[in-house]
C-alpha atoms as a PDB file:
ATOM      1  CA  MET A   1      33.409 174.679 159.819  1.00  0.00           C
ATOM      2  CA  ASP A   2      31.317 177.284 161.614  1.00  0.00           C
ATOM      3  CA  THR A   3      28.863 175.394 163.774  1.00  0.00           C
ATOM      4  CA  THR A   4      27.391 178.470 165.449  1.00  0.00           C
ATOM      5  CA  PRO A   5      23.594 177.865 165.380  1.00  0.00           C
ATOM      6  CA  SER A   6      21.634 180.475 163.370  1.00  0.00           C
ATOM      7  CA  PRO A   7      18.621 182.174 165.419  1.00  0.00           C
ATOM      8  CA  SER A   8      15.917 180.091 165.478  1.00  0.00           C
ATOM      9  CA  PRO A   9      12.669 181.286 163.391  1.00  0.00           C
ATOM     10  CA  LYS A  10       9.603 181.700 165.574  1.00  0.00           C
ATOM     11  CA  PRO A  11       6.348 179.592 164.778  1.00  0.00           C
ATOM     12  CA  GLY A  12       3.925 181.251 162.790  1.00  0.00           C
ATOM     13  CA  ASP A  13       1.915 180.965 159.577  1.00  0.00           C
ATOM     14  CA  SER A  14       4.894 180.684 157.366  1.00  0.00           C
ATOM     15  CA  TYR A  15       6.837 178.342 159.646  1.00  0.00           C
ATOM     16  CA  VAL A  16       5.975 174.764 160.684  1.00  0.00           C
ATOM     17  CA  GLN A  17       7.779 173.905 163.818  1.00  0.00           C
ATOM     18  CA  SER A  18       6.814 170.320 163.929  1.00  0.00           C
ATOM     19  CA  PHE A  19       8.065 170.008 160.343  1.00  0.00           C
ATOM     20  CA  ALA A  20      11.546 171.671 161.275  1.00  0.00           C
ATOM     21  CA  ARG A  21      11.812 169.456 164.168  1.00  0.00           C
ATOM     22  CA  GLY A  22      11.399 166.457 161.850  1.00  0.00           C
ATOM     23  CA  LEU A  23      14.069 167.471 159.586  1.00  0.00           C
ATOM     24  CA  GLU A  24      16.651 168.141 162.585  1.00  0.00           C
ATOM     25  CA  VAL A  25      15.664 164.215 163.785  1.00  0.00           C
ATOM     26  CA  ILE A  26      16.676 163.036 160.160  1.00  0.00           C
ATOM     27  CA  ARG A  27      19.989 165.366 160.232  1.00  0.00           C
ATOM     28  CA  SER A  28      20.958 163.831 163.554  1.00  0.00           C
ATOM     29  CA  PHE A  29      21.771 160.486 161.770  1.00  0.00           C
ATOM     30  CA  HIS A  30      24.988 160.680 159.856  1.00  0.00           C
ATOM     31  CA  ALA A  31      28.214 158.570 159.334  1.00  0.00           C
ATOM     32  CA  GLU A  32      29.181 158.753 162.972  1.00  0.00           C
ATOM     33  CA  THR A  33      25.672 158.009 164.314  1.00  0.00           C
ATOM     34  CA  PRO A  34      23.925 155.705 161.794  1.00  0.00           C
ATOM     35  CA  GLU A  35      22.114 154.161 164.691  1.00  0.00           C
ATOM     36  CA  GLN A  36      20.658 155.800 167.708  1.00  0.00           C
ATOM     37  CA  THR A  37      18.315 155.185 170.852  1.00  0.00           C
ATOM     38  CA  LEU A  38      15.517 157.435 171.497  1.00  0.00           C
ATOM     39  CA  SER A  39      17.395 159.181 174.334  1.00  0.00           C
ATOM     40  CA  GLU A  40      20.292 159.871 171.926  1.00  0.00           C
ATOM     41  CA  VAL A  41      18.131 161.374 169.101  1.00  0.00           C
ATOM     42  CA  ALA A  42      16.331 163.706 171.827  1.00  0.00           C
ATOM     43  CA  ALA A  43      19.589 164.687 173.258  1.00  0.00           C
ATOM     44  CA  ARG A  44      21.069 165.614 169.903  1.00  0.00           C
ATOM     45  CA  THR A  45      18.114 167.431 168.787  1.00  0.00           C
ATOM     46  CA  GLY A  46      17.354 169.148 171.925  1.00  0.00           C
ATOM     47  CA  LEU A  47      13.766 167.691 171.782  1.00  0.00           C
ATOM     48  CA  THR A  48      12.026 166.013 174.769  1.00  0.00           C
ATOM     49  CA  ARG A  49      11.857 162.177 174.662  1.00  0.00           C
ATOM     50  CA  ALA A  50       8.120 162.301 173.914  1.00  0.00           C
ATOM     51  CA  GLY A  51       8.668 164.711 171.114  1.00  0.00           C
ATOM     52  CA  ALA A  52      11.509 162.698 169.527  1.00  0.00           C
ATOM     53  CA  ARG A  53       9.453 159.482 169.990  1.00  0.00           C
ATOM     54  CA  ARG A  54       6.472 161.216 167.977  1.00  0.00           C
ATOM     55  CA  ILE A  55       8.525 162.247 165.130  1.00  0.00           C
ATOM     56  CA  LEU A  56      10.668 158.872 164.792  1.00  0.00           C
ATOM     57  CA  LEU A  57       7.226 156.889 164.861  1.00  0.00           C
ATOM     58  CA  THR A  58       5.945 159.058 162.165  1.00  0.00           C
ATOM     59  CA  LEU A  59       9.055 158.758 160.198  1.00  0.00           C
ATOM     60  CA  GLN A  60       8.927 154.924 160.802  1.00  0.00           C
ATOM     61  CA  THR A  61       5.301 154.931 159.696  1.00  0.00           C
ATOM     62  CA  LEU A  62       6.148 156.561 156.435  1.00  0.00           C
ATOM     63  CA  GLY A  63       9.115 154.367 155.734  1.00  0.00           C
ATOM     64  CA  TYR A  64      11.954 156.671 156.298  1.00  0.00           C
ATOM     65  CA  VAL A  65      13.115 155.074 159.705  1.00  0.00           C
ATOM     66  CA  ASP A  66      13.392 151.626 160.751  1.00  0.00           C
ATOM     67  CA  SER A  67      13.639 150.294 164.503  1.00  0.00           C
ATOM     68  CA  ASP A  68      14.196 147.058 166.138  1.00  0.00           C
ATOM     69  CA  GLY A  69      12.476 148.572 169.386  1.00  0.00           C
ATOM     70  CA  LYS A  70      15.675 150.091 170.835  1.00  0.00           C
ATOM     71  CA  TRP A  71      17.765 151.210 167.956  1.00  0.00           C
ATOM     72  CA  PHE A  72      16.512 153.609 165.220  1.00  0.00           C
ATOM     73  CA  ARG A  73      18.156 153.959 161.732  1.00  0.00           C
ATOM     74  CA  LEU A  74      17.312 155.668 158.443  1.00  0.00           C
ATOM     75  CA  THR A  75      16.255 153.464 155.585  1.00  0.00           C
ATOM     76  CA  PRO A  76      17.160 153.890 151.988  1.00  0.00           C
ATOM     77  CA  ARG A  77      13.907 155.587 151.289  1.00  0.00           C
ATOM     78  CA  ILE A  78      15.481 158.618 152.766  1.00  0.00           C
ATOM     79  CA  LEU A  79      17.227 158.982 149.694  1.00  0.00           C
ATOM     80  CA  ASP A  80      14.079 159.977 147.896  1.00  0.00           C
ATOM     81  CA  LEU A  81      14.261 163.581 149.701  1.00  0.00           C
ATOM     82  CA  GLY A  82      17.838 163.983 148.157  1.00  0.00           C
ATOM     83  CA  PHE A  83      17.074 162.651 144.593  1.00  0.00           C
ATOM     84  CA  ALA A  84      14.015 165.022 144.556  1.00  0.00           C
ATOM     85  CA  TYR A  85      16.594 168.009 144.274  1.00  0.00           C
ATOM     86  CA  LEU A  86      18.498 165.994 141.856  1.00  0.00           C
ATOM     87  CA  SER A  87      15.610 165.052 139.636  1.00  0.00           C
ATOM     88  CA  SER A  88      14.315 168.413 139.468  1.00  0.00           C
ATOM     89  CA  LEU A  89      17.702 169.293 137.787  1.00  0.00           C
ATOM     90  CA  PRO A  90      17.442 167.278 134.725  1.00  0.00           C
ATOM     91  CA  ILE A  91      20.982 168.890 133.486  1.00  0.00           C
ATOM     92  CA  TRP A  92      22.567 166.434 135.577  1.00  0.00           C
ATOM     93  CA  ASN A  93      21.219 163.524 133.382  1.00  0.00           C
ATOM     94  CA  LEU A  94      23.026 165.398 130.657  1.00  0.00           C
ATOM     95  CA  ALA A  95      26.144 166.137 132.341  1.00  0.00           C
ATOM     96  CA  GLU A  96      26.873 162.618 133.400  1.00  0.00           C
ATOM     97  CA  PRO A  97      27.782 161.273 129.969  1.00  0.00           C
ATOM     98  CA  VAL A  98      30.160 164.258 129.396  1.00  0.00           C
ATOM     99  CA  MET A  99      31.874 163.536 132.869  1.00  0.00           C
ATOM    100  CA  GLU A 100      32.083 159.987 132.013  1.00  0.00           C
ATOM    101  CA  THR A 101      33.943 160.778 128.870  1.00  0.00           C
ATOM    102  CA  LEU A 102      36.248 162.950 130.700  1.00  0.00           C
ATOM    103  CA  VAL A 103      37.082 160.417 133.278  1.00  0.00           C
ATOM    104  CA  GLU A 104      37.849 157.955 130.254  1.00  0.00           C
ATOM    105  CA  GLN A 105      39.998 160.457 128.771  1.00  0.00           C
ATOM    106  CA  LEU A 106      41.837 161.590 131.823  1.00  0.00           C
ATOM    107  CA  ARG A 107      41.791 158.555 134.103  1.00  0.00           C
ATOM    108  CA  GLU A 108      40.875 160.556 136.956  1.00  0.00           C
ATOM    109  CA  SER A 109      37.711 160.929 138.850  1.00  0.00           C
ATOM    110  CA  CYS A 110      35.352 163.808 137.784  1.00  0.00           C
ATOM    111  CA  SER A 111      32.799 165.745 140.318  1.00  0.00           C
ATOM    112  CA  ALA A 112      30.178 168.439 140.053  1.00  0.00           C
ATOM    113  CA  ALA A 113      29.133 170.334 143.284  1.00  0.00           C
ATOM    114  CA  VAL A 114      26.970 173.354 144.248  1.00  0.00           C
ATOM    115  CA  LEU A 115      27.636 175.941 147.158  1.00  0.00           C
ATOM    116  CA  ASP A 116      25.830 175.772 150.507  1.00  0.00           C
ATOM    117  CA  GLY A 117      26.829 178.351 152.858  1.00  0.00           C
ATOM    118  CA  LEU A 118      30.716 177.608 153.260  1.00  0.00           C
ATOM    119  CA  ASP A 119      30.366 174.029 151.927  1.00  0.00           C
ATOM    120  CA  VAL A 120      30.322 172.289 148.640  1.00  0.00           C
ATOM    121  CA  VAL A 121      27.789 169.730 148.266  1.00  0.00           C
ATOM    122  CA  TYR A 122      28.549 167.016 145.727  1.00  0.00           C
ATOM    123  CA  VAL A 123      25.531 166.336 143.202  1.00  0.00           C
ATOM    124  CA  LEU A 124      27.160 164.115 140.794  1.00  0.00           C
ATOM    125  CA  ARG A 125      30.315 162.116 141.037  1.00  0.00           C
ATOM    126  CA  VAL A 126      32.063 159.729 138.253  1.00  0.00           C
ATOM    127  CA  PRO A 127      34.862 157.903 139.962  1.00  0.00           C
ATOM    128  CA  THR A 128      37.942 155.849 138.493  1.00  0.00           C
ATOM    129  CA  HIS A 129      38.649 152.344 139.501  1.00  0.00           C
ATOM    130  CA  LYS A 130      41.682 153.577 141.477  1.00  0.00           C
ATOM    131  CA  ILE A 131      41.716 153.341 145.024  1.00  0.00           C
ATOM    132  CA  MET A 132      41.357 156.929 146.514  1.00  0.00           C
ATOM    133  CA  ARG A 133      41.439 157.789 150.261  1.00  0.00           C
ATOM    134  CA  THR A 134      38.631 160.300 150.040  1.00  0.00           C
ATOM    135  CA  ASN A 135      35.478 158.628 150.196  1.00  0.00           C
ATOM    136  CA  LEU A 136      32.819 160.845 148.169  1.00  0.00           C
ATOM    137  CA  GLY A 137      29.768 160.547 146.964  1.00  0.00           C
ATOM    138  CA  VAL A 138      26.380 162.403 146.043  1.00  0.00           C
ATOM    139  CA  GLY A 139      25.459 164.592 149.028  1.00  0.00           C
ATOM    140  CA  SER A 140      28.999 164.559 150.358  1.00  0.00           C
ATOM    141  CA  ARG A 141      30.132 167.972 151.930  1.00  0.00           C
ATOM    142  CA  LEU A 142      33.539 169.497 151.853  1.00  0.00           C
ATOM    143  CA  PRO A 143      34.776 173.008 153.232  1.00  0.00           C
ATOM    144  CA  ALA A 144      34.579 175.244 150.117  1.00  0.00           C
ATOM    145  CA  CYS A 145      37.732 177.383 151.128  1.00  0.00           C
ATOM    146  CA  TRP A 146      40.109 174.441 150.562  1.00  0.00           C
ATOM    147  CA  THR A 147      38.741 172.862 147.672  1.00  0.00           C
ATOM    148  CA  SER A 148      38.841 173.552 143.857  1.00  0.00           C
ATOM    149  CA  MET A 149      35.223 173.475 143.155  1.00  0.00           C
ATOM    150  CA  GLY A 150      34.536 175.591 146.346  1.00  0.00           C
ATOM    151  CA  ARG A 151      37.023 178.434 145.463  1.00  0.00           C
ATOM    152  CA  VAL A 152      35.265 178.566 141.891  1.00  0.00           C
ATOM    153  CA  LEU A 153      31.903 179.109 143.643  1.00  0.00           C
ATOM    154  CA  LEU A 154      33.130 181.511 146.094  1.00  0.00           C
ATOM    155  CA  ALA A 155      34.764 183.336 143.473  1.00  0.00           C
ATOM    156  CA  ALA A 156      31.299 184.068 141.780  1.00  0.00           C
ATOM    157  CA  LEU A 157      30.056 185.888 144.971  1.00  0.00           C
ATOM    158  CA  PRO A 158      30.219 189.704 145.063  1.00  0.00           C
ATOM    159  CA  ASP A 159      33.262 190.754 147.223  1.00  0.00           C
ATOM    160  CA  GLU A 160      31.327 192.233 150.091  1.00  0.00           C
ATOM    161  CA  ALA A 161      29.412 189.072 150.492  1.00  0.00           C
ATOM    162  CA  LEU A 162      32.356 187.025 150.137  1.00  0.00           C
ATOM    163  CA  ARG A 163      34.259 188.744 152.671  1.00  0.00           C
ATOM    164  CA  ALA A 164      31.528 188.876 155.208  1.00  0.00           C
ATOM    165  CA  ARG A 165      30.959 184.957 154.634  1.00  0.00           C
ATOM    166  CA  LEU A 166      34.489 184.050 155.088  1.00  0.00           C
ATOM    167  CA  GLU A 167      35.027 186.375 158.372  1.00  0.00           C
ATOM    168  CA  GLN A 168      32.636 184.190 160.059  1.00  0.00           C
ATOM    169  CA  HIS A 169      34.608 181.021 159.016  1.00  0.00           C
ATOM    170  CA  PRO A 170      37.307 179.580 161.326  1.00  0.00           C
ATOM    171  CA  LEU A 171      40.476 179.184 158.774  1.00  0.00           C
ATOM    172  CA  GLU A 172      41.706 175.853 160.373  1.00  0.00           C
ATOM    173  CA  ARG A 173      44.726 174.077 159.228  1.00  0.00           C
ATOM    174  CA  LEU A 174      44.072 170.822 157.370  1.00  0.00           C
ATOM    175  CA  THR A 175      47.352 170.154 156.072  1.00  0.00           C
ATOM    176  CA  ARG A 176      50.834 171.968 155.899  1.00  0.00           C
ATOM    177  CA  HIS A 177      49.770 173.408 152.721  1.00  0.00           C
ATOM    178  CA  THR A 178      46.294 174.853 153.905  1.00  0.00           C
ATOM    179  CA  VAL A 179      45.946 178.628 153.444  1.00  0.00           C
ATOM    180  CA  THR A 180      44.959 179.706 156.958  1.00  0.00           C
ATOM    181  CA  ASP A 181      44.954 183.820 156.863  1.00  0.00           C
ATOM    182  CA  LEU A 182      41.965 185.662 155.130  1.00  0.00           C
ATOM    183  CA  PRO A 183      44.149 188.109 153.002  1.00  0.00           C
ATOM    184  CA  THR A 184      45.838 185.391 151.335  1.00  0.00           C
ATOM    185  CA  LEU A 185      42.656 183.273 150.982  1.00  0.00           C
ATOM    186  CA  LEU A 186      40.805 186.254 149.485  1.00  0.00           C
ATOM    187  CA  GLU A 187      43.749 186.780 146.937  1.00  0.00           C
ATOM    188  CA  ARG A 188      43.636 183.090 145.711  1.00  0.00           C
ATOM    189  CA  ILE A 189      39.923 183.380 145.252  1.00  0.00           C
ATOM    190  CA  ALA A 190      40.452 186.648 143.304  1.00  0.00           C
ATOM    191  CA  GLU A 191      42.955 184.889 141.044  1.00  0.00           C
ATOM    192  CA  THR A 192      40.326 182.061 140.546  1.00  0.00           C
ATOM    193  CA  ARG A 193      37.812 184.742 139.351  1.00  0.00           C
ATOM    194  CA  ARG A 194      40.460 186.215 136.967  1.00  0.00           C
ATOM    195  CA  GLN A 195      41.737 183.131 135.461  1.00  0.00           C
ATOM    196  CA  GLY A 196      38.281 181.195 135.239  1.00  0.00           C
ATOM    197  CA  TRP A 197      39.471 178.103 137.094  1.00  0.00           C
ATOM    198  CA  CYS A 198      41.244 176.744 140.532  1.00  0.00           C
ATOM    199  CA  LEU A 199      43.757 174.232 141.169  1.00  0.00           C
ATOM    200  CA  ILE A 200      44.189 173.235 144.844  1.00  0.00           C
ATOM    201  CA  ASN A 201      47.391 171.359 145.799  1.00  0.00           C
ATOM    202  CA  GLN A 202      47.056 169.328 148.926  1.00  0.00           C
ATOM    203  CA  GLU A 203      45.110 171.998 150.920  1.00  0.00           C
ATOM    204  CA  LEU A 204      42.313 169.690 152.075  1.00  0.00           C
ATOM    205  CA  GLU A 205      44.185 166.479 152.231  1.00  0.00           C
ATOM    206  CA  GLU A 206      47.914 165.612 151.890  1.00  0.00           C
ATOM    207  CA  GLY A 207      48.516 163.901 148.452  1.00  0.00           C
ATOM    208  CA  LEU A 208      45.079 165.040 146.968  1.00  0.00           C
ATOM    209  CA  ILE A 209      45.152 167.566 144.025  1.00  0.00           C
ATOM    210  CA  SER A 210      42.129 168.901 142.359  1.00  0.00           C
ATOM    211  CA  ILE A 211      41.370 171.391 139.561  1.00  0.00           C
ATOM    212  CA  ALA A 212      37.913 172.887 138.871  1.00  0.00           C
ATOM    213  CA  ALA A 213      36.101 175.243 136.397  1.00  0.00           C
ATOM    214  CA  PRO A 214      32.704 176.819 136.549  1.00  0.00           C
ATOM    215  CA  LEU A 215      29.486 175.680 135.121  1.00  0.00           C
ATOM    216  CA  THR A 216      27.152 178.682 134.124  1.00  0.00           C
ATOM    217  CA  ASN A 217      23.637 179.205 133.189  1.00  0.00           C
ATOM    218  CA  ARG A 218      21.947 181.276 130.292  1.00  0.00           C
ATOM    219  CA  ALA A 219      22.563 184.471 132.502  1.00  0.00           C
ATOM    220  CA  GLY A 220      26.213 183.739 132.671  1.00  0.00           C
ATOM    221  CA  GLN A 221      25.888 183.125 136.535  1.00  0.00           C
ATOM    222  CA  THR A 222      28.061 180.250 138.058  1.00  0.00           C
ATOM    223  CA  VAL A 223      25.657 177.739 139.427  1.00  0.00           C
ATOM    224  CA  ALA A 224      27.799 174.789 139.848  1.00  0.00           C
ATOM    225  CA  ALA A 225      31.508 173.808 139.599  1.00  0.00           C
ATOM    226  CA  LEU A 226      33.177 170.650 137.747  1.00  0.00           C
ATOM    227  CA  ASN A 227      36.553 169.129 138.892  1.00  0.00           C
ATOM    228  CA  ILE A 228      39.049 166.605 138.278  1.00  0.00           C
ATOM    229  CA  SER A 229      40.917 165.036 141.169  1.00  0.00           C
ATOM    230  CA  GLY A 230      44.027 162.780 141.567  1.00  0.00           C
ATOM    231  CA  GLN A 231      46.877 161.990 143.705  1.00  0.00           C
ATOM    232  CA  ALA A 232      50.131 163.827 143.807  1.00  0.00           C
ATOM    233  CA  ASN A 233      52.256 160.679 143.917  1.00  0.00           C
ATOM    234  CA  ARG A 234      50.760 159.994 140.377  1.00  0.00           C
ATOM    235  CA  THR A 235      50.060 163.393 138.668  1.00  0.00           C
ATOM    236  CA  SER A 236      51.777 166.713 139.774  1.00  0.00           C
ATOM    237  CA  ALA A 237      50.016 169.843 140.035  1.00  0.00           C
ATOM    238  CA  GLN A 238      51.843 171.285 136.781  1.00  0.00           C
ATOM    239  CA  VAL A 239      51.162 168.160 134.795  1.00  0.00           C
ATOM    240  CA  MET A 240      47.340 168.393 135.861  1.00  0.00           C
ATOM    241  CA  GLN A 241      47.303 172.062 134.803  1.00  0.00           C
ATOM    242  CA  ASP A 242      49.096 171.427 131.440  1.00  0.00           C
ATOM    243  CA  SER A 243      47.697 168.112 130.495  1.00  0.00           C
ATOM    244  CA  MET A 244      44.277 167.994 132.102  1.00  0.00           C
ATOM    245  CA  LEU A 245      42.903 171.661 132.350  1.00  0.00           C
ATOM    246  CA  PRO A 246      42.071 172.242 128.750  1.00  0.00           C
ATOM    247  CA  ALA A 247      39.662 169.088 128.798  1.00  0.00           C
ATOM    248  CA  LEU A 248      38.158 170.068 132.051  1.00  0.00           C
ATOM    249  CA  LEU A 249      37.466 173.526 130.614  1.00  0.00           C
ATOM    250  CA  GLN A 250      36.013 171.938 127.245  1.00  0.00           C
ATOM    251  CA  ALA A 251      33.715 169.780 129.394  1.00  0.00           C
ATOM    252  CA  ALA A 252      32.627 172.564 131.542  1.00  0.00           C
ATOM    253  CA  ARG A 253      31.699 174.564 128.461  1.00  0.00           C
ATOM    254  CA  THR A 254      29.696 171.734 126.967  1.00  0.00           C
ATOM    255  CA  ILE A 255      27.703 171.184 130.161  1.00  0.00           C
ATOM    256  CA  SER A 256      27.230 175.044 130.347  1.00  0.00           C
ATOM    257  CA  ARG A 257      25.841 175.131 126.859  1.00  0.00           C
ATOM    258  CA  MET A 258      23.540 172.551 127.970  1.00  0.00           C
ATOM    259  CA  MET A 259      22.180 174.814 130.552  1.00  0.00           C
ATOM    260  CA  GLY A 260      21.896 177.633 128.004  1.00  0.00           C
ATOM    261  CA  ALA A 261      25.123 179.421 128.326  1.00  0.00           C
ATOM    262  CA  VAL A 262      26.314 181.479 125.430  1.00  0.00           C
ATOM    263  CA  PRO A 263      29.414 180.057 123.837  1.00  0.00           C
ATOM    264  CA  ARG A 264      32.277 182.090 124.301  1.00  0.00           C
END
């Protein structure tokens, strides 16, 4: 994943620096750093201790941060910020029953995601009761290049924009199946565009197979992707394509019609 920082906007009438710094403080908390001291927050955000302290105390007053005097941690109220996005898209309330039906039918987990840069961000997930190594939930991010939903979403980009985006992205090897050269990756994405779906066989994680289809709006634009994922030791890629793809495509068409897409 490209971690090169983008040029920082300059403060002005359209840019509130203190608000931006507050978001950086929030983003400094994640799975590896669920609790931080004031000094750690300052170091990770590039703020002074005084600046970090003001922001943390403000967030604490608003109920988004809790502290025992030394350690700071986010509270469940921070989820309100993410759910504000989901609640602004009532389609997901309609899509969930469709996904639940698909999971019952296929006995595999089903997810929906959108594209953010070169990541896919999960906006809805209906898991099975089977134990999976991959720990995913709403808000989880995965590299778009090596996920079925990611390639479906990348396939919707214009060629020039797609190449420019990928050329800035290091193609690291995650498994022995991972595509790591740009020409092959571009061809795989072009194939996804032609066929209207994508199957990824253990490129992201050994043993993990997934197949995805686009979700389109009234204008025919791909706005999200829907996938089914499973384990290679239970279901081969060929079986997934033969027995699960038709049901997945039908579910994607159903959800797309809910978003106003014209039936094909």
